[in-house]
Protein backbone atom coordinates (compact mmCIF):
# COMPACT_ATOMS: atom_id res chain seq x y z
CA MET A 1 -27.28 -12.37 -8.90
CA MET A 2 -26.49 -9.20 -10.82
CA ILE A 3 -30.06 -7.78 -9.80
CA GLU A 4 -29.50 -8.90 -6.34
CA ARG A 5 -26.08 -7.03 -6.16
CA SER A 6 -27.65 -3.80 -7.52
CA ASN A 7 -30.42 -4.05 -5.17
CA LEU A 8 -28.22 -4.42 -2.08
CA VAL A 9 -25.95 -1.50 -3.43
CA ASN A 10 -28.88 0.67 -3.97
CA ILE A 11 -30.33 -0.10 -0.49
CA SER A 12 -27.02 0.56 1.19
CA LYS A 13 -26.97 4.09 -0.52
CA LEU A 14 -30.26 4.89 0.79
CA ILE A 15 -29.61 3.65 4.36
CA VAL A 16 -26.05 5.24 4.55
CA LYS A 17 -27.45 8.67 3.10
CA GLU A 18 -30.06 8.57 5.71
CA LEU A 19 -27.66 7.59 8.58
CA ILE A 20 -25.34 10.54 7.73
CA GLU A 21 -28.21 13.04 7.32
CA THR A 22 -29.76 12.12 10.48
CA SER A 23 -26.48 12.19 12.47
CA LEU A 24 -25.63 15.77 11.11
CA LYS A 25 -29.30 16.87 11.65
CA TYR A 26 -29.33 16.05 15.30
CA GLY A 27 -25.71 16.52 16.11
CA ARG A 28 -25.40 13.73 18.59
CA MET A 29 -23.69 10.39 19.22
CA LEU A 30 -25.79 7.32 17.80
CA ASP A 31 -26.72 4.36 19.89
CA SER A 32 -28.22 0.89 19.38
CA ASP A 33 -31.79 2.39 19.56
CA HIS A 34 -31.18 4.54 16.37
CA MET A 35 -33.35 3.00 13.62
CA PRO A 36 -31.36 3.64 10.67
CA LEU A 37 -28.26 2.24 12.30
CA GLN A 38 -30.14 -1.01 12.96
CA HIS A 39 -31.07 -1.11 9.23
CA PHE A 40 -27.59 -0.28 8.40
CA PHE A 41 -26.12 -3.30 10.23
CA ILE A 42 -29.02 -5.61 8.64
CA VAL A 43 -28.07 -4.52 5.27
CA LEU A 44 -24.59 -5.04 5.83
CA GLU A 45 -25.00 -8.43 7.16
CA HIS A 46 -26.82 -9.17 3.76
CA VAL A 47 -24.07 -7.68 1.78
CA LEU A 48 -21.30 -9.77 3.56
CA ARG A 49 -23.33 -13.07 3.37
CA HIS A 50 -24.38 -12.61 -0.18
CA GLY A 51 -22.83 -15.50 -2.28
CA LEU A 52 -21.43 -17.31 0.65
CA LYS A 53 -20.94 -21.08 -0.25
CA PRO A 54 -23.09 -23.66 1.48
CA LYS A 55 -21.87 -26.65 3.49
CA LYS A 56 -20.50 -29.43 1.51
CA GLY A 57 -21.95 -32.75 2.62
CA LEU A 58 -22.87 -33.79 5.95
CA LEU A 59 -19.53 -33.77 7.39
CA GLY A 60 -17.97 -30.79 5.39
CA PRO A 61 -17.10 -27.62 7.42
CA LYS A 62 -19.57 -24.84 7.20
CA LYS A 63 -18.72 -21.42 5.75
CA GLU A 64 -19.00 -18.94 8.53
CA LEU A 65 -18.75 -14.88 8.18
CA TRP A 66 -16.79 -14.96 11.47
CA ASP A 67 -14.10 -17.00 10.01
CA ILE A 68 -13.59 -14.41 7.21
CA LEU A 69 -13.53 -11.53 9.67
CA GLN A 70 -10.94 -13.08 11.87
CA MET A 71 -8.50 -13.00 9.02
CA VAL A 72 -8.30 -9.40 8.78
CA GLU A 73 -5.90 -9.28 11.95
CA LYS A 74 -3.18 -11.10 9.93
CA TYR A 75 -2.81 -8.09 7.73
CA THR A 76 -3.30 -5.13 10.14
CA ILE A 77 -2.47 -4.81 13.84
CA ASP A 78 -5.56 -2.38 14.60
CA ALA A 79 -7.97 -5.33 14.02
CA GLN A 80 -6.15 -7.60 16.74
CA ASP A 81 -7.81 -5.74 19.73
CA ILE A 82 -11.43 -5.90 18.48
CA THR A 83 -11.12 -9.56 17.39
CA ALA A 84 -9.64 -10.63 20.83
CA SER A 85 -12.41 -8.58 22.49
CA VAL A 86 -15.13 -10.37 20.41
CA ARG A 87 -13.45 -13.69 21.25
CA ASP A 88 -13.67 -13.07 24.97
CA LEU A 89 -17.35 -11.71 24.99
CA PRO A 90 -19.28 -13.92 27.44
CA THR A 91 -22.76 -12.74 26.11
CA VAL A 92 -22.25 -14.09 22.57
CA ARG A 93 -22.03 -17.77 21.82
CA THR A 94 -22.72 -18.28 18.14
CA HIS A 95 -20.44 -17.44 15.04
CA MET A 96 -22.94 -14.98 13.60
CA GLY A 97 -23.13 -13.16 16.86
CA ARG A 98 -19.59 -12.84 16.85
CA ALA A 99 -19.52 -11.45 13.52
CA ARG A 100 -22.16 -8.78 14.40
CA ALA A 101 -20.25 -7.86 17.39
CA TRP A 102 -17.04 -7.56 15.33
CA LEU A 103 -18.81 -5.23 12.83
CA ARG A 104 -20.14 -2.96 15.51
CA LEU A 105 -16.70 -2.58 17.19
CA ALA A 106 -15.11 -1.80 13.79
CA LEU A 107 -17.79 0.85 13.23
CA MET A 108 -16.96 2.45 16.44
CA GLN A 109 -13.15 2.16 15.72
CA LYS A 110 -14.04 3.98 12.40
CA LYS A 111 -12.03 1.45 10.61
CA LEU A 112 -14.82 -0.75 9.04
CA ALA A 113 -14.13 0.63 5.52
CA ASP A 114 -10.48 -0.07 5.72
CA TYR A 115 -10.97 -3.61 7.02
CA LEU A 116 -13.37 -4.55 4.15
CA LYS A 117 -11.02 -2.98 1.67
CA ILE A 118 -8.23 -5.33 3.00
CA LEU A 119 -10.65 -8.30 2.41
CA PHE A 120 -11.36 -7.16 -1.08
CA ASP A 121 -7.83 -6.50 -1.80
CA HIS A 122 -6.84 -10.19 -0.86
CA ARG A 123 -10.05 -11.65 -2.36
CA GLU A 124 -8.31 -14.00 -4.68
CA ASP A 125 -6.28 -15.63 -1.68
CA LEU A 126 -8.89 -15.23 1.11
CA LEU A 127 -12.41 -14.85 -0.19
CA SER A 128 -12.43 -17.35 -2.95
CA GLU A 129 -12.87 -20.48 -0.85
CA PHE A 130 -15.64 -18.72 1.01
CA PHE A 131 -17.70 -17.10 -1.70
CA GLU A 132 -19.31 -17.84 -5.07
CA LEU A 133 -17.56 -16.13 -8.16
CA ASP A 134 -20.75 -13.94 -8.76
CA ALA A 135 -20.96 -12.78 -5.09
CA LEU A 136 -20.99 -9.15 -4.12
CA MET A 137 -17.64 -9.05 -2.26
CA MET A 138 -16.02 -10.92 -5.32
CA SER A 139 -17.38 -8.26 -7.82
CA GLU A 140 -16.14 -4.57 -8.40
CA GLU A 141 -19.51 -3.43 -6.58
CA ALA A 142 -17.67 -4.12 -3.36
CA ILE A 143 -15.78 -0.97 -4.04
CA VAL A 144 -18.94 1.07 -3.99
CA ILE A 145 -19.92 -0.39 -0.66
CA VAL A 146 -16.39 0.42 0.62
CA GLY A 147 -16.67 3.96 -0.70
CA LEU A 148 -20.09 4.25 1.13
CA LEU A 149 -18.38 2.94 4.57
CA VAL A 150 -15.76 5.69 4.23
CA GLY A 151 -18.47 8.37 4.59
CA LEU A 152 -19.52 6.76 7.92
CA ASN A 153 -16.32 7.98 9.55
CA VAL A 154 -18.06 11.44 10.09
CA ILE A 155 -20.31 9.88 12.65
CA ASP A 156 -19.87 8.79 16.21
CA CYS A 157 -21.27 5.66 17.56
CA ASN A 158 -21.72 4.29 21.29
CA LEU A 159 -22.74 0.68 21.01
CA CYS A 160 -23.00 -1.46 24.10
CA VAL A 161 -22.07 -4.89 22.62
CA LYS A 162 -22.51 -6.79 25.89
CA GLU A 163 -25.98 -5.78 26.37
CA GLU A 164 -27.42 -6.69 22.90
CA ASP A 165 -28.87 -10.13 22.00
CA LEU A 166 -26.63 -10.62 18.81
CA ASP A 167 -27.10 -14.34 18.69
CA CYS A 168 -30.86 -13.90 17.58
CA GLN A 169 -32.01 -13.05 14.14
CA GLN A 170 -31.88 -9.24 13.33
CA GLY A 171 -35.26 -7.33 12.72
CA VAL A 172 -36.62 -6.12 9.41
CA ILE A 173 -36.22 -2.88 7.54
CA ASP A 174 -38.93 -0.22 7.42
CA PHE A 175 -38.65 0.97 3.84
CA SER A 176 -41.05 3.82 4.37
CA LEU A 177 -38.26 5.88 5.88
CA TYR A 178 -36.45 5.80 2.70
CA LEU A 179 -39.16 5.53 0.02
CA ARG A 180 -40.71 8.94 0.06
CA SER A 181 -42.59 10.82 -2.45
CA SER A 182 -40.71 13.60 -4.77
CA ASN A 183 -42.92 16.29 -3.31
CA HIS A 184 -42.35 15.37 0.32
CA CYS A 185 -38.64 15.06 -0.28
CA SER A 186 -38.26 18.37 -1.91
CA GLU A 187 -40.24 20.14 0.87
CA GLY A 188 -38.30 18.23 3.38
CA SER A 189 -35.05 18.85 2.07
CA SER A 190 -35.72 22.53 1.52
CA GLU A 191 -36.77 22.87 5.11
CA GLU A 192 -33.71 21.06 6.27
CA GLU A 193 -31.42 22.84 3.88
CA LEU A 194 -32.70 26.21 5.28
CA ASP A 195 -32.41 25.18 8.84
CA PRO A 196 -29.54 27.21 10.20
CA ASP A 197 -29.12 24.63 13.08
CA ASN A 198 -27.81 22.16 10.72
CA MET A 199 -25.25 24.40 9.27
CA THR A 200 -24.11 25.65 12.53
CA THR A 201 -23.69 21.88 13.54
CA VAL A 202 -21.50 21.21 10.54
CA LEU A 203 -19.38 24.33 11.20
CA ASP A 204 -18.80 23.34 14.94
CA GLN A 205 -17.90 19.98 13.69
CA LYS A 206 -15.31 21.61 11.29
CA ASN A 207 -13.82 23.96 13.81
CA TYR A 208 -13.36 21.19 16.31
CA ILE A 209 -11.51 19.12 13.70
CA GLU A 210 -9.40 21.85 12.83
CA GLU A 211 -8.65 22.62 16.25
CA LEU A 212 -7.74 19.14 16.92
CA ASN A 213 -5.66 18.84 13.78
CA ARG A 214 -3.61 21.96 14.95
CA HIS A 215 -3.33 20.47 18.42
CA LEU A 216 -1.98 17.09 16.88
CA ASN A 217 0.38 19.08 14.67
CA ALA A 218 1.89 20.95 17.71
CA THR A 219 2.43 17.60 19.65
CA VAL A 220 4.10 16.12 16.45
CA THR A 221 6.40 19.12 16.16
CA ASN A 222 7.21 18.74 19.88
CA LEU A 223 7.85 14.96 19.64
CA GLN A 224 9.95 15.66 16.70
CA SER A 225 12.08 18.16 18.62
CA LYS A 226 12.39 15.67 21.50
CA VAL A 227 13.52 12.78 19.14
CA GLU A 228 16.12 15.27 17.59
CA THR A 229 17.48 16.21 21.09
CA LEU A 230 17.49 12.33 22.09
CA MET A 231 19.42 11.79 18.84
CA THR A 232 22.10 14.21 19.79
CA THR A 233 22.50 12.98 23.38
CA ASN A 234 22.59 9.46 22.06
CA ALA A 235 25.43 10.53 19.61
CA LEU A 236 27.20 12.22 22.66
CA MET A 237 26.72 9.22 24.71
CA LYS A 238 28.36 6.99 21.94
CA GLU A 239 31.30 9.23 21.61
CA ASP A 240 31.68 8.94 25.57
CA LEU A 241 31.26 5.28 25.35
CA ALA A 242 33.83 5.14 22.67
CA ILE A 243 36.29 7.26 24.70
CA SER A 244 35.54 5.16 27.94
CA LYS A 245 36.33 2.00 25.90
CA ASN A 246 39.73 3.59 24.61
CA ASN A 247 40.62 4.40 28.04
CA LEU A 248 39.61 1.01 29.49
CA LEU A 249 41.85 -0.47 26.84
CA SER A 250 44.72 1.82 27.63
CA MET A 251 44.55 0.88 31.16
CA ASN A 252 44.34 -2.76 30.46
CA HIS A 253 47.53 -2.34 28.54
CA GLU A 254 49.27 -0.63 31.27
CA ASN A 255 47.97 -3.23 33.79
CA ILE A 256 49.48 -5.92 31.66
CA THR A 257 52.80 -4.09 31.41
CA LEU A 258 52.92 -3.72 35.25
CA LYS A 259 52.31 -7.33 35.85
CA GLN A 260 55.14 -8.22 33.51
CA GLN A 261 57.32 -5.82 35.45
CA LEU A 262 56.30 -7.10 38.61
CA GLY A 263 57.08 -10.63 37.56
CA ILE A 264 60.62 -9.46 36.41
CA ASP A 265 61.29 -7.79 39.82
CA VAL A 266 60.12 -10.65 41.75
CA ASN A 267 62.31 -13.07 39.80
CA ALA A 268 65.19 -10.72 40.29
CA ASP A 269 64.50 -10.46 43.99
CA ARG A 270 64.64 -14.26 44.36
CA THR A 271 67.96 -14.53 42.41
CA ASP A 272 69.38 -11.89 44.71
CA GLU A 273 68.21 -13.99 47.81
CA GLY A 274 69.82 -17.07 46.34
CA GLY A 275 73.13 -15.43 45.85
CA GLY A 276 73.41 -14.33 49.38
CA ARG A 277 73.47 -10.59 49.11
CA GLY A 278 73.16 -8.16 52.11
CA GLY A 279 70.04 -6.61 53.72
CA LYS A 280 70.62 -3.38 51.83
CA ASP A 281 70.32 -5.21 48.50
CA HIS A 282 67.38 -7.03 49.82
CA SER A 283 65.29 -4.04 51.04
CA ALA A 284 65.50 -2.15 47.80
CA PRO A 285 63.51 -4.74 45.72
CA GLN A 286 61.05 -4.82 48.38
CA GLY A 287 60.33 -1.27 48.24
CA GLN A 288 59.83 -1.49 44.48
CA VAL A 289 57.52 -4.59 44.96
CA GLU A 290 55.31 -2.27 47.28
CA GLU A 291 55.08 0.57 45.00
CA LEU A 292 54.23 -1.81 42.01
CA ARG A 293 51.49 -3.49 44.16
CA GLN A 294 50.21 0.02 45.07
CA MET A 295 50.36 0.96 41.53
CA LEU A 296 48.38 -2.33 40.59
CA ASP A 297 45.82 -1.76 43.23
CA ASN A 298 45.20 1.98 41.78
CA GLU A 299 45.02 0.52 38.25
CA LYS A 300 42.41 -2.41 39.60
CA LYS A 301 40.32 0.41 41.11
CA GLN A 302 40.45 2.58 38.11
CA ARG A 303 39.53 -0.30 35.94
CA GLN A 304 36.63 -1.19 38.22
CA GLU A 305 35.31 2.28 37.97
CA CYS A 306 35.76 2.53 34.27
CA GLU A 307 33.78 -1.00 34.06
CA LYS A 308 30.89 0.51 36.24
CA GLU A 309 30.96 3.58 34.11
CA LEU A 310 30.71 1.43 30.96
CA ASP A 311 27.79 -0.49 32.37
CA LEU A 312 26.09 2.66 33.28
CA GLN A 313 26.46 3.87 29.94
CA ILE A 314 25.28 0.80 28.25
CA SER A 315 22.00 0.87 30.41
CA LEU A 316 21.59 4.45 29.45
CA LYS A 317 22.01 3.45 25.88
CA ALA A 318 19.27 0.83 26.14
CA GLU A 319 16.83 2.99 27.92
CA MET A 320 17.45 5.58 25.16
CA GLU A 321 16.84 2.94 22.37
CA VAL A 322 13.71 2.02 24.17
CA ALA A 323 12.44 5.58 24.62
CA MET A 324 13.20 6.23 21.05
CA LYS A 325 11.26 3.11 19.80
CA LEU A 326 8.32 4.48 22.05
CA LEU A 327 8.53 7.83 20.62
CA GLU A 328 8.59 6.62 17.05
CA LYS A 329 5.40 4.44 17.90
CA ASP A 330 3.69 7.39 19.32
CA ILE A 331 4.70 9.51 16.24
CA HIS A 332 3.38 6.91 13.92
CA GLU A 333 0.01 6.80 15.70
CA LYS A 334 -0.16 10.53 15.92
CA GLN A 335 0.34 10.61 12.08
CA ASP A 336 -2.42 7.87 11.56
CA THR A 337 -5.03 9.98 13.57
CA ILE A 338 -3.99 13.22 11.72
CA ILE A 339 -4.26 11.40 8.22
CA SER A 340 -7.93 10.05 9.32
CA LEU A 341 -8.82 13.49 10.86
CA ARG A 342 -7.73 15.07 7.60
CA ARG A 343 -10.02 12.59 5.76
CA GLN A 344 -12.83 13.47 8.01
CA LEU A 345 -12.30 17.17 7.39
CA ASP A 346 -12.30 16.60 3.56
CA ASP A 347 -15.74 14.85 3.96
CA ILE A 348 -17.06 17.49 6.16
CA LYS A 349 -15.93 19.92 3.56
CA LEU A 350 -17.64 18.21 0.62
CA ILE A 351 -20.90 17.89 2.61
CA ASN A 352 -20.67 21.54 3.42
CA LEU A 353 -19.93 22.55 -0.29
CA GLU A 354 -22.84 20.36 -1.08
CA MET A 355 -25.16 22.02 1.37
CA TYR A 356 -24.01 25.46 0.33
CA LYS A 357 -24.85 24.51 -3.27
CA LYS A 358 -28.42 23.32 -2.40
CA LEU A 359 -28.75 26.49 -0.37
CA GLN A 360 -28.10 28.60 -3.38
CA GLU A 361 -30.57 26.51 -5.57
CA CYS A 362 -33.28 27.11 -2.99
CA GLU A 363 -32.42 30.79 -2.83
CA GLN A 364 -32.57 31.00 -6.67
CA GLU A 365 -36.15 29.12 -6.60
CA LEU A 366 -37.37 31.49 -3.85
CA THR A 367 -36.32 34.44 -6.12
CA GLU A 368 -37.98 32.88 -9.27
CA LYS A 369 -41.00 32.28 -7.08
CA GLY A 370 -40.97 35.82 -5.79
CA VAL A 371 -40.90 37.05 -9.60
CA MET A 372 -43.83 34.78 -10.39
CA VAL A 373 -45.72 36.11 -7.39
CA THR A 374 -45.24 39.91 -8.40
CA ARG A 375 -46.24 38.94 -12.05
CA LEU A 376 -49.49 37.25 -10.78
CA GLN A 377 -50.25 40.33 -8.57
CA ALA A 378 -49.87 42.56 -11.43
CA LYS A 379 -52.15 40.32 -13.48
CA THR A 380 -54.64 40.22 -10.40
CA SER A 381 -54.83 44.16 -10.34
CA GLN A 382 -55.23 44.24 -14.09
CA ILE A 383 -58.35 41.83 -13.84
CA GLY A 384 -59.71 43.90 -10.90
CA GLN A 385 -59.61 46.93 -12.95
CA ILE A 386 -61.56 45.11 -15.90
CA LEU A 387 -64.05 43.93 -13.60
CA ASN A 388 -64.49 47.61 -12.09
CA ASN A 389 -64.91 48.86 -15.59
CA LEU A 390 -67.34 45.97 -16.30
CA GLU A 391 -69.44 46.84 -13.21
CA LYS A 392 -69.50 50.49 -14.16
CA TYR A 393 -70.49 49.67 -17.64
CA ASN A 394 -73.27 47.33 -16.15
CA HIS A 395 -74.37 50.33 -13.97
CA LEU A 396 -74.81 52.51 -16.91
CA LEU A 397 -76.71 50.03 -18.75
CA LYS A 398 -79.14 49.40 -16.16
CA ASP A 399 -79.62 53.25 -15.63
CA ALA A 400 -80.33 53.66 -19.45
CA GLU A 401 -82.95 50.97 -19.31
CA LYS A 402 -84.60 52.53 -16.17
CA GLY A 403 -84.86 56.04 -18.18
CA GLY A 404 -86.32 54.32 -21.10
CA ASN A 405 -88.96 52.78 -19.02
CA SER A 406 -89.76 55.90 -17.37
CA SER A 407 -90.12 57.72 -20.56
CA LYS A 408 -92.60 55.14 -21.93
CA GLY A 409 -94.82 55.06 -18.98
CA PRO A 410 -96.49 58.63 -19.07
CA ASN A 411 -97.22 58.38 -23.03
CA GLY A 412 -99.25 55.38 -22.72
CA PRO A 413 -102.23 56.86 -20.65
CA GLY A 414 -102.23 59.92 -22.79
CA GLN A 415 -102.88 58.17 -25.88
CA GLN A 416 -105.74 56.33 -24.37
CA LYS A 417 -107.63 59.45 -23.36
CA LYS A 418 -107.38 60.73 -26.98
């Protein structure tokens, strides 16, 4: 099992590296036809199913990967949307097909590494009943897989889950894309590193992320200023509400006192009528009663107006609280996006630094090769001079031999005549 785990980790490293390099090289959004992306999902499926417990008996429940992935939504709200979408897919019928669709949606959401980290953090509670003790998800090597998946946040994917046949068995991996010779890799890497289009693509992505980060920071500051203004207006409205409540209480107290006075005056009027007083004494209490009734009506109107104003203030306060909650939720979402963008920016900076180091190494190698070429040219010129000297010496020897032969020729016949 240890060898299987190491093999899966090494294959995952190769495929993730190839996937990131091809994405940065071509600078486009990856789709379902991209071969390294298909290989990535095949290897990820093997990683997640490594050490999965078999079915116990004929009637025992079968351990499925989809049952494990559904548990992520209990720990994070972001996984609820994709889990509900996968449940409602009409084209997927098997548990394995739903698991494959969930992995693709999580990759497009750029939260695949976060979701697998949640499963790894709760492996003793969640994964112990699904996996063996020596499974990859139960070992420390799962952290390496999560770290590799974090690097995939720099790529963009556009996967149409409804059009794919996810219930069928996935294909095989073509290892010829990853198992290359060292010379081929060095030549290809030097050509890719010296390609200026690759550097411009990375720089464009970096500038885009920085601009988006600045825009999000500006929106966050605007939202914070709006929140501060809403908090001040809320405090003022609370003060107005307290003042209106105090006014309402004072008016209620005055209303009660007026009712008490009205009751006393009516009783006094009735006693005066029973005693048989004159018309002048009877008219005076009636005028007071009318005045008190008018005052009571005015107090009732003022009370109704205060109650309406109080209801209006309460409704405004409720609306303000709802707006505050929405703004806080929006701010939290913006902060999460800013954090993810900063992580992506850090990853791109690391990639840019690595490419710059490789470019410097290539330039150093080129300078060394140039020095070697100059040395070889100097040696070639020296060898040419030596060859020229040898040719001259050879010509001199030939001329000397010809001169010797010509001197011997005339002496021979003269001696015969003697």
